[in-house]
Protein backbone atom coordinates (compact mmCIF):
# COMPACT_ATOMS: atom_id res chain seq x y z
CA UNK A 1 0.00 0.00 0.00
CA UNK A 2 3.04 2.27 0.23
CA UNK A 3 3.57 2.20 -3.54
CA UNK A 4 1.64 4.16 -6.14
CA UNK A 5 -1.26 1.88 -7.08
CA UNK A 6 -3.58 2.14 -10.04
CA UNK A 7 -6.38 0.14 -11.56
CA UNK A 8 -4.12 -0.53 -14.56
CA UNK A 9 -1.29 -1.97 -12.47
CA UNK A 10 -3.59 -4.10 -10.33
CA UNK A 11 -5.59 -5.43 -13.29
CA UNK A 12 -2.40 -6.25 -15.13
CA UNK A 13 -0.94 -8.05 -12.12
CA UNK A 14 -4.00 -10.29 -11.72
CA UNK A 15 -4.54 -10.71 -15.49
CA UNK A 16 -8.13 -9.43 -15.49
CA UNK A 17 -9.52 -6.52 -17.49
CA UNK A 18 -9.88 -3.17 -15.74
CA UNK A 19 -13.64 -3.29 -16.17
CA UNK A 20 -13.96 -6.75 -14.67
CA UNK A 21 -11.61 -5.87 -11.81
CA UNK A 22 -13.70 -2.80 -11.03
CA UNK A 23 -16.96 -4.74 -11.15
CA UNK A 24 -15.75 -7.60 -8.96
CA UNK A 25 -14.12 -5.33 -6.39
CA UNK A 26 -17.19 -3.11 -6.02
CA UNK A 27 -19.48 -6.15 -5.72
CA UNK A 28 -17.33 -7.83 -3.06
CA UNK A 29 -16.22 -4.79 -1.05
CA UNK A 30 -19.09 -2.35 -1.52
CA UNK A 31 -16.71 0.49 -2.43
CA UNK A 32 -14.55 1.28 -5.42
CA UNK A 33 -10.96 0.14 -5.64
CA UNK A 34 -9.67 3.72 -5.47
CA UNK A 35 -11.81 4.42 -2.39
CA UNK A 36 -10.38 1.31 -0.73
CA UNK A 37 -6.79 2.20 -1.59
CA UNK A 38 -7.22 5.78 -0.35
CA UNK A 39 -8.90 4.55 2.85
CA UNK A 40 -6.00 2.21 3.58
CA UNK A 41 -3.39 4.86 2.80
CA UNK A 42 -5.07 7.59 4.87
CA UNK A 43 -5.48 5.23 7.83
CA UNK A 44 -1.78 4.43 7.66
CA UNK A 45 -1.02 8.15 7.33
CA UNK A 46 -2.98 8.82 10.53
CA UNK A 47 -0.92 6.18 12.34
CA UNK A 48 2.25 7.77 10.99
CA UNK A 49 1.14 11.17 12.29
CA UNK A 50 0.94 9.78 15.82
CA UNK A 51 4.03 7.61 15.84
CA UNK A 52 6.85 9.62 14.34
CA UNK A 53 8.18 13.00 13.37
CA UNK A 54 8.07 12.74 9.58
CA UNK A 55 6.87 15.83 7.77
CA UNK A 56 3.47 15.66 6.16
CA UNK A 57 5.10 15.74 2.73
CA UNK A 58 7.36 12.83 3.67
CA UNK A 59 4.35 10.84 4.90
CA UNK A 60 2.50 11.53 1.64
CA UNK A 61 5.49 10.51 -0.49
CA UNK A 62 6.17 7.40 1.61
CA UNK A 63 2.60 6.26 0.89
CA UNK A 64 3.02 6.66 -2.84
CA UNK A 65 1.36 10.05 -3.29
CA UNK A 66 3.47 12.04 -5.71
CA UNK A 67 1.40 15.18 -5.15
CA UNK A 68 1.05 16.47 -1.58
CA UNK A 69 -1.99 18.57 -2.53
CA UNK A 70 -3.83 15.45 -3.67
CA UNK A 71 -2.85 13.60 -0.49
CA UNK A 72 -4.16 16.51 1.56
CA UNK A 73 -7.47 16.46 -0.36
CA UNK A 74 -7.91 12.68 0.02
CA UNK A 75 -7.01 12.80 3.73
CA UNK A 76 -9.45 15.63 4.40
CA UNK A 77 -12.21 13.83 2.50
CA UNK A 78 -11.66 10.68 4.57
CA UNK A 79 -11.29 12.24 8.03
CA UNK A 80 -13.04 15.58 7.65
CA UNK A 81 -9.96 17.56 8.67
CA UNK A 82 -6.60 18.27 7.09
CA UNK A 83 -3.56 16.20 8.04
CA UNK A 84 -1.84 19.25 9.55
CA UNK A 85 -4.84 19.92 11.80
CA UNK A 86 -5.04 16.27 12.83
CA UNK A 87 -1.31 16.21 13.58
CA UNK A 88 -1.75 19.29 15.76
CA UNK A 89 -4.74 17.76 17.57
CA UNK A 90 -2.92 14.48 18.16
CA UNK A 91 0.09 16.28 19.64
CA UNK A 92 -2.19 18.02 22.16
CA UNK A 93 -3.50 14.69 23.49
């Protein structure tokens, strides 16, 4: 989960078409593949915020996000607050 993942790379690795991969994943998991990947990555990012002193950019890059702005957007969508605000709140606890 720490590498950049895409529907293309996953479909290719399991030798199933992108369309079929999407359909099967959504049917079995109830969410899209990209939603699942982002959920896993943001959950790991939250753990990383509490357990070490990496910068937010370093956390984003270590999880395979090449664009910090996109990571910030995905994180905020998942948790309802930005990673910098969460990091600040977690330090206060």
